[in-house]
PDB file of N, CA and C in Angstrom:
ATOM      1  N   MET A   1       8.980  -7.312   5.986  1.00  0.00           N
ATOM      2  CA  MET A   1      10.395  -6.763   5.751  1.00  0.00           C
ATOM      3  C   MET A   1       9.185  -5.849   3.861  1.00  0.00           C
ATOM      4  N   PHE A   2       9.409  -4.613   3.962  1.00  0.00           N
ATOM      5  CA  PHE A   2       8.869  -4.088   2.198  1.00  0.00           C
ATOM      6  C   PHE A   2       9.903  -4.067   1.312  1.00  0.00           C
ATOM      7  N   GLN A   3       9.906  -4.350   0.159  1.00  0.00           N
ATOM      8  CA  GLN A   3      10.704  -5.045  -0.986  1.00  0.00           C
ATOM      9  C   GLN A   3       9.710  -4.350  -1.731  1.00  0.00           C
ATOM     10  N   MET A   4      10.491  -2.359  -2.680  1.00  0.00           N
ATOM     11  CA  MET A   4      10.315  -1.839  -3.520  1.00  0.00           C
ATOM     12  C   MET A   4      10.087  -2.548  -5.050  1.00  0.00           C
ATOM     13  N   LEU A   5       9.277  -2.992  -5.786  1.00  0.00           N
ATOM     14  CA  LEU A   5       8.810  -3.486  -6.539  1.00  0.00           C
ATOM     15  C   LEU A   5       9.465  -2.102  -7.889  1.00  0.00           C
ATOM     16  N   PRO A   6       9.838  -3.570  -8.957  1.00  0.00           N
ATOM     17  CA  PRO A   6      10.955  -2.486 -10.049  1.00  0.00           C
ATOM     18  C   PRO A   6       9.920  -1.714 -10.728  1.00  0.00           C
ATOM     19  N   GLU A   7       8.508  -1.365 -10.892  1.00  0.00           N
ATOM     20  CA  GLU A   7       7.687  -1.514 -11.555  1.00  0.00           C
ATOM     21  C   GLU A   7       6.533   0.133 -11.225  1.00  0.00           C
ATOM     22  N   SER A   8       7.570   0.114  -9.934  1.00  0.00           N
ATOM     23  CA  SER A   8       7.415   1.984  -9.408  1.00  0.00           C
ATOM     24  C   SER A   8       8.021   3.420 -10.438  1.00  0.00           C
ATOM     25  N   GLU A   9       7.311   3.934 -10.872  1.00  0.00           N
ATOM     26  CA  GLU A   9       7.523   4.950 -10.766  1.00  0.00           C
ATOM     27  C   GLU A   9       7.008   6.065 -10.507  1.00  0.00           C
ATOM     28  N   GLY A  10       7.456   7.699 -10.404  1.00  0.00           N
ATOM     29  CA  GLY A  10       7.100   8.358 -10.315  1.00  0.00           C
ATOM     30  C   GLY A  10       6.347   8.297  -9.063  1.00  0.00           C
ATOM     31  N   LYS A  11       4.694   8.879  -9.508  1.00  0.00           N
ATOM     32  CA  LYS A  11       3.507   8.833  -8.450  1.00  0.00           C
ATOM     33  C   LYS A  11       3.223   7.122  -7.897  1.00  0.00           C
ATOM     34  N   THR A  12       3.942   7.082  -8.620  1.00  0.00           N
ATOM     35  CA  THR A  12       3.439   5.181  -8.564  1.00  0.00           C
ATOM     36  C   THR A  12       3.981   4.051  -7.795  1.00  0.00           C
ATOM     37  N   VAL A  13       4.127   3.804  -6.492  1.00  0.00           N
ATOM     38  CA  VAL A  13       4.736   2.781  -5.693  1.00  0.00           C
ATOM     39  C   VAL A  13       4.456   1.890  -5.361  1.00  0.00           C
ATOM     40  N   GLY A  14       4.806   1.022  -5.880  1.00  0.00           N
ATOM     41  CA  GLY A  14       5.142  -1.045  -5.721  1.00  0.00           C
ATOM     42  C   GLY A  14       5.644  -1.033  -5.019  1.00  0.00           C
ATOM     43  N   VAL A  15       5.179  -2.256  -3.217  1.00  0.00           N
ATOM     44  CA  VAL A  15       6.117  -3.218  -2.317  1.00  0.00           C
ATOM     45  C   VAL A  15       4.944  -3.535  -1.810  1.00  0.00           C
ATOM     46  N   HIS A  16       6.127  -4.675  -1.885  1.00  0.00           N
ATOM     47  CA  HIS A  16       6.172  -6.336  -1.055  1.00  0.00           C
ATOM     48  C   HIS A  16       6.666  -6.500  -0.471  1.00  0.00           C
ATOM     49  N   ALA A  17       4.781  -6.760   0.734  1.00  0.00           N
ATOM     50  CA  ALA A  17       5.303  -6.522   2.193  1.00  0.00           C
ATOM     51  C   ALA A  17       5.441  -8.128   2.869  1.00  0.00           C
ATOM     52  N   ILE A  18       6.291  -8.329   3.185  1.00  0.00           N
ATOM     53  CA  ILE A  18       6.922 -10.324   3.406  1.00  0.00           C
ATOM     54  C   ILE A  18       6.866 -10.570   4.662  1.00  0.00           C
ATOM     55  N   GLY A  19       6.567 -11.682   5.634  1.00  0.00           N
ATOM     56  CA  GLY A  19       7.138 -11.594   6.567  1.00  0.00           C
ATOM     57  C   GLY A  19       6.700 -11.195   7.601  1.00  0.00           C
ATOM     58  N   LYS A  20       6.823 -10.833   8.952  1.00  0.00           N
ATOM     59  CA  LYS A  20       6.091 -10.556   9.348  1.00  0.00           C
ATOM     60  C   LYS A  20       6.887  -8.793  10.207  1.00  0.00           C
ATOM     61  N   LEU A  21       6.068  -7.756   9.902  1.00  0.00           N
ATOM     62  CA  LEU A  21       6.543  -6.295   9.793  1.00  0.00           C
ATOM     63  C   LEU A  21       7.256  -5.520  11.271  1.00  0.00           C
ATOM     64  N   SER A  22       8.461  -5.322  10.956  1.00  0.00           N
ATOM     65  CA  SER A  22       8.428  -4.850  12.403  1.00  0.00           C
ATOM     66  C   SER A  22       8.734  -3.248  11.829  1.00  0.00           C
ATOM     67  N   ASP A  23       8.928  -1.921  12.924  1.00  0.00           N
ATOM     68  CA  ASP A  23       9.082  -0.818  13.344  1.00  0.00           C
ATOM     69  C   ASP A  23      10.304  -0.456  12.468  1.00  0.00           C
ATOM     70  N   ALA A  24      11.936  -1.076  12.404  1.00  0.00           N
ATOM     71  CA  ALA A  24      12.842  -1.002  11.198  1.00  0.00           C
ATOM     72  C   ALA A  24      12.559  -1.056  10.424  1.00  0.00           C
ATOM     73  N   ASP A  25      11.773  -1.847   9.985  1.00  0.00           N
ATOM     74  CA  ASP A  25      10.610  -1.725   8.194  1.00  0.00           C
ATOM     75  C   ASP A  25      10.532  -0.767   7.995  1.00  0.00           C
ATOM     76  N   TYR A  26       9.431  -0.802   9.174  1.00  0.00           N
ATOM     77  CA  TYR A  26       8.921   1.323   8.918  1.00  0.00           C
ATOM     78  C   TYR A  26       9.567   2.486   8.450  1.00  0.00           C
ATOM     79  N   LYS A  27      10.495   1.969   9.518  1.00  0.00           N
ATOM     80  CA  LYS A  27      11.993   3.572   9.124  1.00  0.00           C
ATOM     81  C   LYS A  27      12.495   3.277   7.885  1.00  0.00           C
ATOM     82  N   ALA A  28      12.213   2.533   7.619  1.00  0.00           N
ATOM     83  CA  ALA A  28      13.596   1.936   6.311  1.00  0.00           C
ATOM     84  C   ALA A  28      12.778   2.283   5.070  1.00  0.00           C
ATOM     85  N   PHE A  29      11.098   1.699   5.140  1.00  0.00           N
ATOM     86  CA  PHE A  29      10.489   2.329   3.989  1.00  0.00           C
ATOM     87  C   PHE A  29       9.283   3.994   4.244  1.00  0.00           C
ATOM     88  N   LEU A  30       9.387   4.236   4.866  1.00  0.00           N
ATOM     89  CA  LEU A  30       8.289   5.407   4.597  1.00  0.00           C
ATOM     90  C   LEU A  30       9.302   7.005   3.745  1.00  0.00           C
ATOM     91  N   PRO A  31      10.598   6.978   4.665  1.00  0.00           N
ATOM     92  CA  PRO A  31      10.563   8.208   4.046  1.00  0.00           C
ATOM     93  C   PRO A  31      10.705   7.565   2.346  1.00  0.00           C
ATOM     94  N   GLU A  32      10.657   6.772   1.681  1.00  0.00           N
ATOM     95  CA  GLU A  32      10.647   6.420   0.089  1.00  0.00           C
ATOM     96  C   GLU A  32       9.197   7.268   0.180  1.00  0.00           C
ATOM     97  N   LEU A  33       8.301   6.724   0.612  1.00  0.00           N
ATOM     98  CA  LEU A  33       6.714   7.240   0.355  1.00  0.00           C
ATOM     99  C   LEU A  33       6.659   8.823   0.870  1.00  0.00           C
ATOM    100  N   GLU A  34       7.494   9.263   1.441  1.00  0.00           N
ATOM    101  CA  GLU A  34       7.772  10.646   1.629  1.00  0.00           C
ATOM    102  C   GLU A  34       7.346  11.705   0.919  1.00  0.00           C
ATOM    103  N   LYS A  35       9.520  10.820   0.168  1.00  0.00           N
ATOM    104  CA  LYS A  35      10.017  11.902  -0.604  1.00  0.00           C
ATOM    105  C   LYS A  35       9.130  11.617  -1.789  1.00  0.00           C
ATOM    106  N   ARG A  36       8.306  10.792  -2.142  1.00  0.00           N
ATOM    107  CA  ARG A  36       7.248  11.140  -3.270  1.00  0.00           C
ATOM    108  C   ARG A  36       6.491  11.789  -2.507  1.00  0.00           C
ATOM    109  N   ILE A  37       5.703  12.229  -1.783  1.00  0.00           N
ATOM    110  CA  ILE A  37       3.667  12.993  -1.283  1.00  0.00           C
ATOM    111  C   ILE A  37       4.569  14.324  -1.639  1.00  0.00           C
ATOM    112  N   THR A  38       6.117  14.338  -1.101  1.00  0.00           N
ATOM    113  CA  THR A  38       6.642  15.809  -0.875  1.00  0.00           C
ATOM    114  C   THR A  38       6.447  16.549  -2.747  1.00  0.00           C
ATOM    115  N   VAL A  39       6.817  15.079  -3.152  1.00  0.00           N
ATOM    116  CA  VAL A  39       7.451  15.591  -5.572  1.00  0.00           C
ATOM    117  C   VAL A  39       6.025  15.589  -5.865  1.00  0.00           C
ATOM    118  N   TYR A  40       5.451  14.674  -5.615  1.00  0.00           N
ATOM    119  CA  TYR A  40       3.880  13.956  -6.272  1.00  0.00           C
ATOM    120  C   TYR A  40       2.505  14.798  -5.333  1.00  0.00           C
ATOM    121  N   ARG A  41       2.342  15.074  -4.170  1.00  0.00           N
ATOM    122  CA  ARG A  41       1.477  15.532  -3.263  1.00  0.00           C
ATOM    123  C   ARG A  41       0.522  13.776  -3.095  1.00  0.00           C
ATOM    124  N   HIS A  42       0.445  13.875  -4.617  1.00  0.00           N
ATOM    125  CA  HIS A  42      -0.467  12.651  -4.173  1.00  0.00           C
ATOM    126  C   HIS A  42      -0.113  11.491  -4.840  1.00  0.00           C
ATOM    127  N   ILE A  43      -0.172  10.576  -4.435  1.00  0.00           N
ATOM    128  CA  ILE A  43       0.649   9.567  -4.895  1.00  0.00           C
ATOM    129  C   ILE A  43      -0.486   7.564  -5.424  1.00  0.00           C
ATOM    130  N   ASN A  44      -0.457   6.676  -5.709  1.00  0.00           N
ATOM    131  CA  ASN A  44      -1.023   5.712  -5.748  1.00  0.00           C
ATOM    132  C   ASN A  44       0.425   4.654  -5.175  1.00  0.00           C
ATOM    133  N   LEU A  45      -0.234   3.608  -4.485  1.00  0.00           N
ATOM    134  CA  LEU A  45       0.233   3.339  -3.731  1.00  0.00           C
ATOM    135  C   LEU A  45      -0.540   1.224  -4.169  1.00  0.00           C
ATOM    136  N   LEU A  46       0.476   0.355  -4.631  1.00  0.00           N
ATOM    137  CA  LEU A  46       0.122  -1.009  -4.625  1.00  0.00           C
ATOM    138  C   LEU A  46       0.914  -2.035  -3.744  1.00  0.00           C
ATOM    139  N   VAL A  47       0.052  -2.707  -3.282  1.00  0.00           N
ATOM    140  CA  VAL A  47       1.014  -3.087  -1.959  1.00  0.00           C
ATOM    141  C   VAL A  47       0.329  -4.427  -1.903  1.00  0.00           C
ATOM    142  N   ASP A  48       1.509  -5.618  -2.434  1.00  0.00           N
ATOM    143  CA  ASP A  48       1.235  -6.959  -3.106  1.00  0.00           C
ATOM    144  C   ASP A  48       1.506  -8.024  -1.341  1.00  0.00           C
ATOM    145  N   LEU A  49       1.135  -8.420  -0.766  1.00  0.00           N
ATOM    146  CA  LEU A  49       0.287  -8.911   0.830  1.00  0.00           C
ATOM    147  C   LEU A  49       1.156  -9.925   0.485  1.00  0.00           C
ATOM    148  N   GLU A  50       1.209 -10.629  -0.420  1.00  0.00           N
ATOM    149  CA  GLU A  50       1.745 -12.405  -0.671  1.00  0.00           C
ATOM    150  C   GLU A  50       3.238 -12.350   0.197  1.00  0.00           C
ATOM    151  N   GLY A  51       2.827 -13.782   1.859  1.00  0.00           N
ATOM    152  CA  GLY A  51       3.586 -14.149   2.121  1.00  0.00           C
ATOM    153  C   GLY A  51       3.787 -13.043   3.635  1.00  0.00           C
ATOM    154  N   PHE A  52       2.954 -12.193   3.374  1.00  0.00           N
ATOM    155  CA  PHE A  52       2.607 -10.988   5.280  1.00  0.00           C
ATOM    156  C   PHE A  52       2.503 -11.737   6.306  1.00  0.00           C
ATOM    157  N   GLU A  53       2.751 -11.927   6.633  1.00  0.00           N
ATOM    158  CA  GLU A  53       2.740 -12.281   8.495  1.00  0.00           C
ATOM    159  C   GLU A  53       1.731 -11.599   9.523  1.00  0.00           C
ATOM    160  N   GLY A  54       2.276  -9.939   9.042  1.00  0.00           N
ATOM    161  CA  GLY A  54       1.560  -9.456  10.328  1.00  0.00           C
ATOM    162  C   GLY A  54       2.368  -7.996  10.574  1.00  0.00           C
ATOM    163  N   TRP A  55       2.720  -7.790  11.932  1.00  0.00           N
ATOM    164  CA  TRP A  55       2.790  -6.579  12.213  1.00  0.00           C
ATOM    165  C   TRP A  55       2.985  -6.647  13.478  1.00  0.00           C
ATOM    166  N   ASP A  56       4.806  -6.236  13.976  1.00  0.00           N
ATOM    167  CA  ASP A  56       4.300  -6.339  15.820  1.00  0.00           C
ATOM    168  C   ASP A  56       4.057  -5.389  16.127  1.00  0.00           C
ATOM    169  N   LEU A  57       3.825  -4.617  17.391  1.00  0.00           N
ATOM    170  CA  LEU A  57       3.110  -3.487  17.913  1.00  0.00           C
ATOM    171  C   LEU A  57       3.320  -2.188  17.276  1.00  0.00           C
ATOM    172  N   HIS A  58       4.877  -2.385  17.473  1.00  0.00           N
ATOM    173  CA  HIS A  58       5.351  -0.938  17.062  1.00  0.00           C
ATOM    174  C   HIS A  58       4.802  -0.749  15.904  1.00  0.00           C
ATOM    175  N   ALA A  59       5.379  -1.722  14.670  1.00  0.00           N
ATOM    176  CA  ALA A  59       4.839  -1.380  13.211  1.00  0.00           C
ATOM    177  C   ALA A  59       3.775  -1.590  13.239  1.00  0.00           C
ATOM    178  N   ALA A  60       2.767  -1.805  13.961  1.00  0.00           N
ATOM    179  CA  ALA A  60       1.629  -1.539  13.615  1.00  0.00           C
ATOM    180  C   ALA A  60       0.966   0.142  13.466  1.00  0.00           C
ATOM    181  N   TRP A  61       1.186   0.900  14.469  1.00  0.00           N
ATOM    182  CA  TRP A  61       1.032   1.669  15.545  1.00  0.00           C
ATOM    183  C   TRP A  61       2.262   2.360  14.209  1.00  0.00           C
ATOM    184  N   ASP A  62       3.092   2.127  13.364  1.00  0.00           N
ATOM    185  CA  ASP A  62       3.719   2.845  12.695  1.00  0.00           C
ATOM    186  C   ASP A  62       3.202   2.728  11.261  1.00  0.00           C
ATOM    187  N   ASP A  63       2.171   1.728  11.109  1.00  0.00           N
ATOM    188  CA  ASP A  63       1.347   2.037   9.549  1.00  0.00           C
ATOM    189  C   ASP A  63       0.196   2.958  10.062  1.00  0.00           C
ATOM    190  N   PHE A  64      -0.683   2.664  10.675  1.00  0.00           N
ATOM    191  CA  PHE A  64      -1.487   3.818  11.588  1.00  0.00           C
ATOM    192  C   PHE A  64      -1.217   5.104  11.421  1.00  0.00           C
ATOM    193  N   THR A  65      -0.244   5.636  12.099  1.00  0.00           N
ATOM    194  CA  THR A  65      -0.132   6.855  12.324  1.00  0.00           C
ATOM    195  C   THR A  65       0.337   7.601  11.438  1.00  0.00           C
ATOM    196  N   PHE A  66       1.413   7.066  10.077  1.00  0.00           N
ATOM    197  CA  PHE A  66       1.510   7.061   8.726  1.00  0.00           C
ATOM    198  C   PHE A  66      -0.471   7.330   8.629  1.00  0.00           C
ATOM    199  N   GLY A  67      -0.973   6.326   8.122  1.00  0.00           N
ATOM    200  CA  GLY A  67      -2.168   6.592   7.778  1.00  0.00           C
ATOM    201  C   GLY A  67      -3.104   7.073   7.857  1.00  0.00           C
ATOM    202  N   MET A  68      -2.853   7.527   9.330  1.00  0.00           N
ATOM    203  CA  MET A  68      -4.077   8.455   9.251  1.00  0.00           C
ATOM    204  C   MET A  68      -3.151  10.574   8.928  1.00  0.00           C
ATOM    205  N   THR A  69      -1.744  10.156   9.049  1.00  0.00           N
ATOM    206  CA  THR A  69      -1.666  11.513   8.622  1.00  0.00           C
ATOM    207  C   THR A  69      -1.002  11.721   7.327  1.00  0.00           C
ATOM    208  N   HIS A  70      -1.253  10.725   6.461  1.00  0.00           N
ATOM    209  CA  HIS A  70      -1.185  10.884   4.882  1.00  0.00           C
ATOM    210  C   HIS A  70      -2.402  10.163   4.759  1.00  0.00           C
ATOM    211  N   TRP A  71      -3.501  10.001   4.850  1.00  0.00           N
ATOM    212  CA  TRP A  71      -5.003   9.715   4.338  1.00  0.00           C
ATOM    213  C   TRP A  71      -5.249  10.127   3.087  1.00  0.00           C
ATOM    214  N   HIS A  72      -4.889  12.086   2.756  1.00  0.00           N
ATOM    215  CA  HIS A  72      -5.167  12.182   1.593  1.00  0.00           C
ATOM    216  C   HIS A  72      -4.460  13.054   0.705  1.00  0.00           C
ATOM    217  N   HIS A  73      -3.560  12.560   1.226  1.00  0.00           N
ATOM    218  CA  HIS A  73      -2.181  11.676  -0.312  1.00  0.00           C
ATOM    219  C   HIS A  73      -2.155  11.073  -1.208  1.00  0.00           C
ATOM    220  N   PHE A  74      -3.140  10.281  -1.499  1.00  0.00           N
ATOM    221  CA  PHE A  74      -3.243   8.798  -1.585  1.00  0.00           C
ATOM    222  C   PHE A  74      -4.400   9.096  -3.013  1.00  0.00           C
ATOM    223  N   GLU A  75      -4.385   8.693  -4.098  1.00  0.00           N
ATOM    224  CA  GLU A  75      -5.319   8.668  -4.745  1.00  0.00           C
ATOM    225  C   GLU A  75      -6.224   7.198  -4.955  1.00  0.00           C
ATOM    226  N   LYS A  76      -4.630   6.311  -5.517  1.00  0.00           N
ATOM    227  CA  LYS A  76      -5.453   5.108  -5.595  1.00  0.00           C
ATOM    228  C   LYS A  76      -4.272   4.485  -3.895  1.00  0.00           C
ATOM    229  N   ILE A  77      -4.879   2.995  -4.045  1.00  0.00           N
ATOM    230  CA  ILE A  77      -4.314   1.980  -3.225  1.00  0.00           C
ATOM    231  C   ILE A  77      -4.824   0.369  -3.725  1.00  0.00           C
ATOM    232  N   ALA A  78      -4.362  -0.242  -3.668  1.00  0.00           N
ATOM    233  CA  ALA A  78      -4.701  -1.709  -4.655  1.00  0.00           C
ATOM    234  C   ALA A  78      -3.948  -2.513  -3.569  1.00  0.00           C
ATOM    235  N   LEU A  79      -4.458  -3.332  -3.015  1.00  0.00           N
ATOM    236  CA  LEU A  79      -3.668  -4.326  -1.474  1.00  0.00           C
ATOM    237  C   LEU A  79      -4.600  -5.600  -3.150  1.00  0.00           C
ATOM    238  N   VAL A  80      -3.513  -6.260  -2.698  1.00  0.00           N
ATOM    239  CA  VAL A  80      -3.020  -7.555  -3.345  1.00  0.00           C
ATOM    240  C   VAL A  80      -2.714  -8.725  -1.983  1.00  0.00           C
ATOM    241  N   GLY A  81      -3.827  -9.734  -2.284  1.00  0.00           N
ATOM    242  CA  GLY A  81      -3.053 -10.509  -1.256  1.00  0.00           C
ATOM    243  C   GLY A  81      -4.493 -12.315  -1.744  1.00  0.00           C
ATOM    244  N   ASP A  82      -4.401 -13.222  -0.657  1.00  0.00           N
ATOM    245  CA  ASP A  82      -5.603 -13.845  -1.079  1.00  0.00           C
ATOM    246  C   ASP A  82      -6.202 -14.818   0.617  1.00  0.00           C
ATOM    247  N   THR A  83      -6.708 -13.630   1.531  1.00  0.00           N
ATOM    248  CA  THR A  83      -6.719 -13.876   2.772  1.00  0.00           C
ATOM    249  C   THR A  83      -8.463 -12.287   3.039  1.00  0.00           C
ATOM    250  N   GLY A  84      -9.439 -13.263   3.518  1.00  0.00           N
ATOM    251  CA  GLY A  84     -10.621 -12.515   3.514  1.00  0.00           C
ATOM    252  C   GLY A  84     -10.817 -10.854   4.485  1.00  0.00           C
ATOM    253  N   TRP A  85      -9.227 -11.068   5.372  1.00  0.00           N
ATOM    254  CA  TRP A  85      -8.725  -9.667   6.427  1.00  0.00           C
ATOM    255  C   TRP A  85      -8.403  -8.672   5.251  1.00  0.00           C
ATOM    256  N   GLU A  86      -8.309  -8.703   3.695  1.00  0.00           N
ATOM    257  CA  GLU A  86      -7.867  -7.930   2.851  1.00  0.00           C
ATOM    258  C   GLU A  86      -8.556  -7.307   2.640  1.00  0.00           C
ATOM    259  N   GLU A  87      -9.535  -7.720   2.200  1.00  0.00           N
ATOM    260  CA  GLU A  87     -10.783  -7.377   1.220  1.00  0.00           C
ATOM    261  C   GLU A  87     -11.182  -6.739   2.253  1.00  0.00           C
ATOM    262  N   MET A  88     -11.280  -6.902   3.286  1.00  0.00           N
ATOM    263  CA  MET A  88     -12.167  -6.555   4.417  1.00  0.00           C
ATOM    264  C   MET A  88     -11.406  -5.118   4.742  1.00  0.00           C
ATOM    265  N   ALA A  89     -10.408  -4.821   5.156  1.00  0.00           N
ATOM    266  CA  ALA A  89      -9.470  -4.070   5.281  1.00  0.00           C
ATOM    267  C   ALA A  89      -9.357  -2.962   3.832  1.00  0.00           C
ATOM    268  N   ALA A  90      -9.561  -3.752   2.603  1.00  0.00           N
ATOM    269  CA  ALA A  90      -9.720  -2.526   1.647  1.00  0.00           C
ATOM    270  C   ALA A  90     -10.871  -1.649   1.880  1.00  0.00           C
ATOM    271  N   SER A  91     -12.118  -2.379   2.112  1.00  0.00           N
ATOM    272  CA  SER A  91     -13.614  -1.737   2.015  1.00  0.00           C
ATOM    273  C   SER A  91     -13.820  -0.803   3.246  1.00  0.00           C
ATOM    274  N   ILE A  92     -12.989  -1.579   4.637  1.00  0.00           N
ATOM    275  CA  ILE A  92     -13.043  -0.419   5.925  1.00  0.00           C
ATOM    276  C   ILE A  92     -11.933   0.786   5.172  1.00  0.00           C
ATOM    277  N   SER A  93     -10.816   0.502   4.867  1.00  0.00           N
ATOM    278  CA  SER A  93      -9.822   2.540   4.249  1.00  0.00           C
ATOM    279  C   SER A  93     -10.209   2.768   2.515  1.00  0.00           C
ATOM    280  N   ASN A  94     -11.931   2.181   2.491  1.00  0.00           N
ATOM    281  CA  ASN A  94     -12.172   2.626   1.253  1.00  0.00           C
ATOM    282  C   ASN A  94     -12.632   4.648   1.994  1.00  0.00           C
ATOM    283  N   VAL A  95     -13.280   3.899   2.835  1.00  0.00           N
ATOM    284  CA  VAL A  95     -14.176   5.309   3.917  1.00  0.00           C
ATOM    285  C   VAL A  95     -13.015   5.798   4.494  1.00  0.00           C
ATOM    286  N   LEU A  96     -12.283   5.252   4.765  1.00  0.00           N
ATOM    287  CA  LEU A  96     -11.228   6.283   5.923  1.00  0.00           C
ATOM    288  C   LEU A  96      -9.921   7.228   5.070  1.00  0.00           C
ATOM    289  N   MET A  97      -9.841   6.209   3.764  1.00  0.00           N
ATOM    290  CA  MET A  97      -8.963   7.482   2.827  1.00  0.00           C
ATOM    291  C   MET A  97      -9.313   8.222   2.233  1.00  0.00           C
ATOM    292  N   GLY A  98      -8.481   9.449   2.026  1.00  0.00           N
ATOM    293  CA  GLY A  98      -9.313  10.236   0.661  1.00  0.00           C
ATOM    294  C   GLY A  98      -9.311   9.938  -0.837  1.00  0.00           C
ATOM    295  N   GLY A  99      -8.358   9.193  -0.802  1.00  0.00           N
ATOM    296  CA  GLY A  99      -8.492   8.102  -3.108  1.00  0.00           C
ATOM    297  C   GLY A  99      -9.575   7.214  -2.121  1.00  0.00           C
ATOM    298  N   GLU A 100      -9.163   5.779  -3.769  1.00  0.00           N
ATOM    299  CA  GLU A 100     -10.439   4.949  -3.691  1.00  0.00           C
ATOM    300  C   GLU A 100      -9.370   3.435  -3.570  1.00  0.00           C
ATOM    301  N   VAL A 101      -9.741   3.211  -2.866  1.00  0.00           N
ATOM    302  CA  VAL A 101      -9.097   1.323  -2.751  1.00  0.00           C
ATOM    303  C   VAL A 101      -9.621   0.462  -2.896  1.00  0.00           C
ATOM    304  N   ARG A 102      -8.894  -0.406  -3.558  1.00  0.00           N
ATOM    305  CA  ARG A 102      -9.273  -1.440  -4.228  1.00  0.00           C
ATOM    306  C   ARG A 102      -8.555  -2.786  -3.909  1.00  0.00           C
ATOM    307  N   TYR A 103      -9.219  -4.028  -3.642  1.00  0.00           N
ATOM    308  CA  TYR A 103      -8.734  -5.361  -3.048  1.00  0.00           C
ATOM    309  C   TYR A 103      -8.542  -6.321  -4.166  1.00  0.00           C
ATOM    310  N   PHE A 104      -7.733  -7.166  -4.733  1.00  0.00           N
ATOM    311  CA  PHE A 104      -7.630  -7.612  -6.157  1.00  0.00           C
ATOM    312  C   PHE A 104      -6.546  -8.932  -5.129  1.00  0.00           C
ATOM    313  N   ASP A 105      -7.093 -10.236  -5.910  1.00  0.00           N
ATOM    314  CA  ASP A 105      -6.784 -11.289  -5.867  1.00  0.00           C
ATOM    315  C   ASP A 105      -5.312 -11.446  -5.805  1.00  0.00           C
ATOM    316  N   LEU A 106      -4.056 -12.671  -5.387  1.00  0.00           N
ATOM    317  CA  LEU A 106      -3.171 -12.684  -6.369  1.00  0.00           C
ATOM    318  C   LEU A 106      -3.171 -12.920  -7.754  1.00  0.00           C
ATOM    319  N   SER A 107      -3.771 -13.881  -8.317  1.00  0.00           N
ATOM    320  CA  SER A 107      -4.313 -13.935  -9.590  1.00  0.00           C
ATOM    321  C   SER A 107      -4.613 -12.112 -10.633  1.00  0.00           C
ATOM    322  N   GLN A 108      -5.164 -11.284  -9.562  1.00  0.00           N
ATOM    323  CA  GLN A 108      -4.983 -10.118 -10.913  1.00  0.00           C
ATOM    324  C   GLN A 108      -4.027  -9.377 -10.094  1.00  0.00           C
ATOM    325  N   ARG A 109      -2.842 -10.145 -10.312  1.00  0.00           N
ATOM    326  CA  ARG A 109      -2.141  -8.962 -10.112  1.00  0.00           C
ATOM    327  C   ARG A 109      -2.342  -7.457 -10.951  1.00  0.00           C
ATOM    328  N   ALA A 110      -1.717  -8.449 -12.542  1.00  0.00           N
ATOM    329  CA  ALA A 110      -2.116  -7.550 -13.690  1.00  0.00           C
ATOM    330  C   ALA A 110      -3.341  -6.777 -13.602  1.00  0.00           C
ATOM    331  N   GLN A 111      -4.251  -7.235 -13.519  1.00  0.00           N
ATOM    332  CA  GLN A 111      -5.886  -6.050 -13.368  1.00  0.00           C
ATOM    333  C   GLN A 111      -5.199  -5.057 -12.421  1.00  0.00           C
ATOM    334  N   ALA A 112      -3.677  -5.417 -11.298  1.00  0.00           N
ATOM    335  CA  ALA A 112      -4.290  -3.920 -10.236  1.00  0.00           C
ATOM    336  C   ALA A 112      -3.454  -2.796 -10.772  1.00  0.00           C
ATOM    337  N   TRP A 113      -2.837  -3.500 -10.907  1.00  0.00           N
ATOM    338  CA  TRP A 113      -0.994  -2.605 -12.093  1.00  0.00           C
ATOM    339  C   TRP A 113      -2.143  -1.537 -13.033  1.00  0.00           C
ATOM    340  N   ALA A 114      -2.682  -2.173 -13.580  1.00  0.00           N
ATOM    341  CA  ALA A 114      -3.129  -1.738 -14.555  1.00  0.00           C
ATOM    342  C   ALA A 114      -3.986  -0.602 -13.832  1.00  0.00           C
ATOM    343  N   TRP A 115      -4.903  -0.574 -13.181  1.00  0.00           N
ATOM    344  CA  TRP A 115      -5.298   0.676 -12.458  1.00  0.00           C
ATOM    345  C   TRP A 115      -5.007   0.703 -11.946  1.00  0.00           C
ATOM    346  N   ILE A 116      -3.877   0.602 -11.153  1.00  0.00           N
ATOM    347  CA  ILE A 116      -3.354   1.740 -10.900  1.00  0.00           C
ATOM    348  C   ILE A 116      -2.668   2.782 -11.664  1.00  0.00           C
ATOM    349  N   HIS A 117      -2.506   2.227 -12.795  1.00  0.00           N
ATOM    350  CA  HIS A 117      -2.158   3.387 -13.766  1.00  0.00           C
ATOM    351  C   HIS A 117      -2.796   4.008 -14.929  1.00  0.00           C
ATOM    352  N   GLY A 118      -4.118   3.580 -13.970  1.00  0.00           N
ATOM    353  CA  GLY A 118      -5.412   4.594 -14.045  1.00  0.00           C
ATOM    354  C   GLY A 118      -6.032   4.011 -15.871  1.00  0.00           C
ATOM    355  N   GLU A 119      -5.478   2.265 -16.035  1.00  0.00           N
ATOM    356  CA  GLU A 119      -6.935   2.108 -16.870  1.00  0.00           C
ATOM    357  C   GLU A 119      -8.000   1.068 -16.353  1.00  0.00           C
ATOM    358  N   GLN A 120      -9.527   1.227 -17.659  1.00  0.00           N
ATOM    359  CA  GLN A 120     -10.216   1.120 -16.718  1.00  0.00           C
ATOM    360  C   GLN A 120     -10.018  -0.841 -16.799  1.00  0.00           C
ATOM    361  N   VAL A 121     -10.350  -1.495 -15.883  1.00  0.00           N
ATOM    362  CA  VAL A 121     -10.440  -2.798 -15.341  1.00  0.00           C
ATOM    363  C   VAL A 121     -11.499  -3.408 -14.954  1.00  0.00           C
TER     364      VAL A 121
END
């Protein structure tokens, strides 16, 4: 499931991805991102991956298609996690996305939020 984080405000969205994500999770969450893209055109996204267990096949497709449709609407994406694949995903996404993508370890949540808000880290 996706859980919107209370720090979300304006063009900055924070979300905690928990467990194994499904198509229903994306159907519940993506309209909020699309609404903010409509209002702000470019958004910043922090994704906390603590407790994330992957996607089912349909959810993986949802994630991919949303990313390919809106790749140019993200100024910054912060991935917060504790596994090597998350750091690698940030590196690959940096090549594919219009904005900047950075990986932060779980112990660096505060720095991730600071970076998303435009502070120097």
